[in-house]
Protein backbone atom coordinates (compact mmCIF):
# COMPACT_ATOMS: atom_id res chain seq x y z
CA MET A 1 11.04 61.23 17.91
CA GLU A 2 7.60 59.66 18.25
CA GLY A 3 7.95 57.84 14.91
CA GLU A 4 11.23 56.36 16.08
CA GLU A 5 9.63 55.17 19.33
CA ASP A 6 6.82 53.52 17.35
CA GLN A 7 9.36 51.70 15.19
CA VAL A 8 11.24 50.47 18.26
CA LYS A 9 7.97 49.34 19.84
CA LYS A 10 6.93 47.51 16.64
CA ALA A 11 10.34 45.85 16.41
CA ARG A 12 10.01 44.63 20.01
CA ILE A 13 6.54 43.26 19.32
CA VAL A 14 7.78 41.44 16.20
CA GLU A 15 10.69 40.00 18.17
CA ALA A 16 8.47 38.86 21.06
CA ARG A 17 5.97 37.22 18.73
CA ALA A 18 8.73 35.57 16.71
CA ARG A 19 10.37 34.16 19.85
CA ASN A 20 7.03 32.88 21.12
CA ILE A 21 6.31 31.10 17.84
CA SER A 22 9.89 29.81 17.57
CA HIS A 23 9.66 28.20 21.02
CA ASN A 24 6.65 26.19 19.81
CA VAL A 25 8.25 24.93 16.58
CA ARG A 26 10.49 21.85 16.52
CA CYS A 27 13.74 21.97 14.58
CA THR A 28 13.34 19.52 11.71
CA GLU A 29 17.06 18.72 11.76
CA CYS A 30 17.67 18.49 15.53
CA GLY A 31 14.29 17.06 16.50
CA SER A 32 14.69 17.59 20.23
CA GLN A 33 15.17 21.37 20.18
CA SER A 34 12.92 24.24 19.29
CA ILE A 35 14.05 26.41 16.39
CA GLU A 36 14.62 29.19 18.93
CA ASP A 37 17.30 27.10 20.68
CA ALA A 38 18.74 25.25 17.68
CA GLN A 39 21.64 26.51 15.59
CA ALA A 40 21.03 24.31 12.54
CA ASP A 41 20.76 26.09 9.19
CA ILE A 42 17.09 25.12 8.82
CA ALA A 43 16.31 26.59 12.27
CA ILE A 44 17.95 29.88 11.34
CA LEU A 45 16.00 29.98 8.07
CA LEU A 46 12.73 29.20 9.85
CA ARG A 47 13.31 31.95 12.41
CA LYS A 48 13.87 34.39 9.55
CA LEU A 49 10.75 33.12 7.77
CA ILE A 50 8.66 33.63 10.91
CA ARG A 51 9.91 37.20 11.34
CA ASP A 52 9.23 37.96 7.67
CA GLU A 53 5.69 36.56 7.98
CA ILE A 54 5.03 38.67 11.08
CA ARG A 55 6.32 41.80 9.33
CA ALA A 56 4.02 40.95 6.42
CA GLY A 57 1.07 41.20 8.80
CA LYS A 58 0.29 37.51 9.27
CA TYR A 59 -1.39 36.27 12.44
CA ASP A 60 0.27 33.61 14.60
CA LYS A 61 -2.30 30.99 13.58
CA GLU A 62 -1.58 31.66 9.90
CA ILE A 63 2.15 31.22 10.50
CA TYR A 64 1.62 27.94 12.39
CA LYS A 65 -0.64 26.72 9.59
CA LYS A 66 1.97 27.58 6.94
CA LEU A 67 4.68 25.75 8.90
CA GLU A 68 2.41 22.76 9.35
CA GLU A 69 1.59 22.68 5.62
CA ASP A 70 5.25 22.97 4.64
CA PHE A 71 6.78 20.59 7.21
CA ALA A 72 3.86 18.41 8.41
CA GLU A 73 2.25 18.44 11.81
CA THR A 74 5.31 17.01 13.58
CA VAL A 75 7.06 20.39 13.33
CA LEU A 76 4.73 21.78 16.02
CA TYR A 77 5.26 20.94 19.69
CA SER A 78 1.52 21.14 20.33
CA PRO A 79 -0.18 19.02 17.68
CA ARG A 80 -3.89 19.41 17.23
CA PHE A 81 -6.12 16.79 18.81
CA ASP A 82 -7.42 14.40 16.16
CA ILE A 83 -7.80 10.67 15.60
CA GLN A 84 -4.03 10.11 15.53
CA THR A 85 -3.32 11.77 18.87
CA ALA A 86 -6.39 10.09 20.37
CA ALA A 87 -5.03 6.72 19.22
CA ILE A 88 -1.67 7.42 20.86
CA TRP A 89 -3.25 8.28 24.21
CA LEU A 90 -5.72 5.43 23.97
CA SER A 91 -2.88 2.97 23.32
CA LEU A 92 -1.30 3.88 26.66
CA VAL A 93 -4.50 3.03 28.51
CA VAL A 94 -5.07 -0.16 26.53
CA ASN A 95 -1.47 -1.30 27.10
CA PHE A 96 -1.87 -0.76 30.84
CA PHE A 97 -4.98 -2.95 30.96
CA VAL A 98 -3.47 -5.60 28.69
CA GLY A 99 -0.50 -5.86 31.04
CA LEU A 100 -2.81 -5.98 34.03
CA LEU A 101 -5.14 -8.64 32.65
CA PHE A 102 -2.89 -10.72 30.38
CA LEU A 103 -2.22 -13.65 32.72
CA ARG A 104 -5.89 -13.94 33.75
CA LEU A 105 -7.01 -13.89 30.13
CA LEU A 106 -4.36 -16.46 29.22
CA GLU A 107 -5.71 -18.83 31.87
CA GLN A 108 -9.37 -18.26 30.98
CA LEU A 109 -9.24 -18.06 27.16
CA GLY A 110 -6.19 -20.13 26.35
CA ALA A 111 -3.13 -19.15 24.34
CA GLU A 112 -4.66 -19.77 20.89
CA VAL A 113 -7.67 -17.48 21.40
CA LEU A 114 -5.71 -14.79 23.21
CA TYR A 115 -2.99 -14.60 20.56
CA SER A 116 -5.62 -14.59 17.80
CA ILE A 117 -7.20 -11.54 19.41
CA PHE A 118 -3.74 -9.96 19.64
CA ALA A 119 -3.08 -10.71 15.94
CA PHE A 120 -6.39 -9.11 14.99
CA PHE A 121 -5.51 -5.89 16.82
CA CYS A 122 -2.04 -5.87 15.25
CA LEU A 123 -3.61 -6.13 11.81
CA LEU A 124 -6.06 -3.36 12.70
CA ALA A 125 -3.15 -1.15 13.83
CA ALA A 126 -1.24 -1.82 10.59
CA VAL A 127 -4.27 -0.82 8.49
CA PHE A 128 -4.74 2.33 10.60
CA MET A 129 -1.08 3.30 10.13
CA LYS A 130 -1.16 2.64 6.40
CA ARG A 131 -4.19 4.90 5.98
CA ASN A 132 -3.69 7.67 8.52
CA VAL A 133 -0.11 8.15 9.71
CA VAL A 134 1.55 10.93 7.72
CA GLU A 135 4.90 9.18 7.28
CA THR A 136 3.31 5.97 5.95
CA LYS A 137 0.15 7.25 4.25
CA GLY A 138 -0.25 5.68 0.83
CA LYS A 139 3.22 4.06 0.78
CA SER A 140 4.02 0.41 0.23
CA LEU A 141 5.89 -1.55 2.91
CA GLN A 142 9.01 -1.48 0.73
CA GLU A 143 8.88 2.32 0.42
CA ILE A 144 8.48 2.66 4.20
CA GLU A 145 11.40 0.30 4.82
CA VAL A 146 13.64 2.20 2.39
CA SER A 147 12.80 5.53 4.01
CA LEU A 148 13.48 4.12 7.51
CA LEU A 149 16.82 2.62 6.42
CA ALA A 150 17.82 5.89 4.77
CA ALA A 151 17.06 7.80 7.98
CA SER A 152 19.32 5.62 10.11
């Protein structure tokens, strides 16, 4: 009787951990749903994979790491804080101040200087994306364009 209760307790723990992890993993097919809520084939397979990993004795962090390695960081709803996420948050602040100060700078610096500064930052952003963004890292502009056209 006690062995059966232990098995039921372990099954409940596995299920609770699996649901917790599944709520934090984005469905790669649906995009806007967690794999816990999605009914796509890949979501069902990932839920099974998570349960199998838990039964194999893996820790939650190990499972998240495996998912991140297999599907890239975008599969997780809570990406780690690094230079890419810092750049995203910084861009919001910079865009706010650009919008706030644009007309004053246009009057004081003139259109030619202001748009040259803008072009410099656009070039800097393109180099950053080419080197650091997972989807574009190491790809030519033609390869990126083909992959974007194929996705739409």
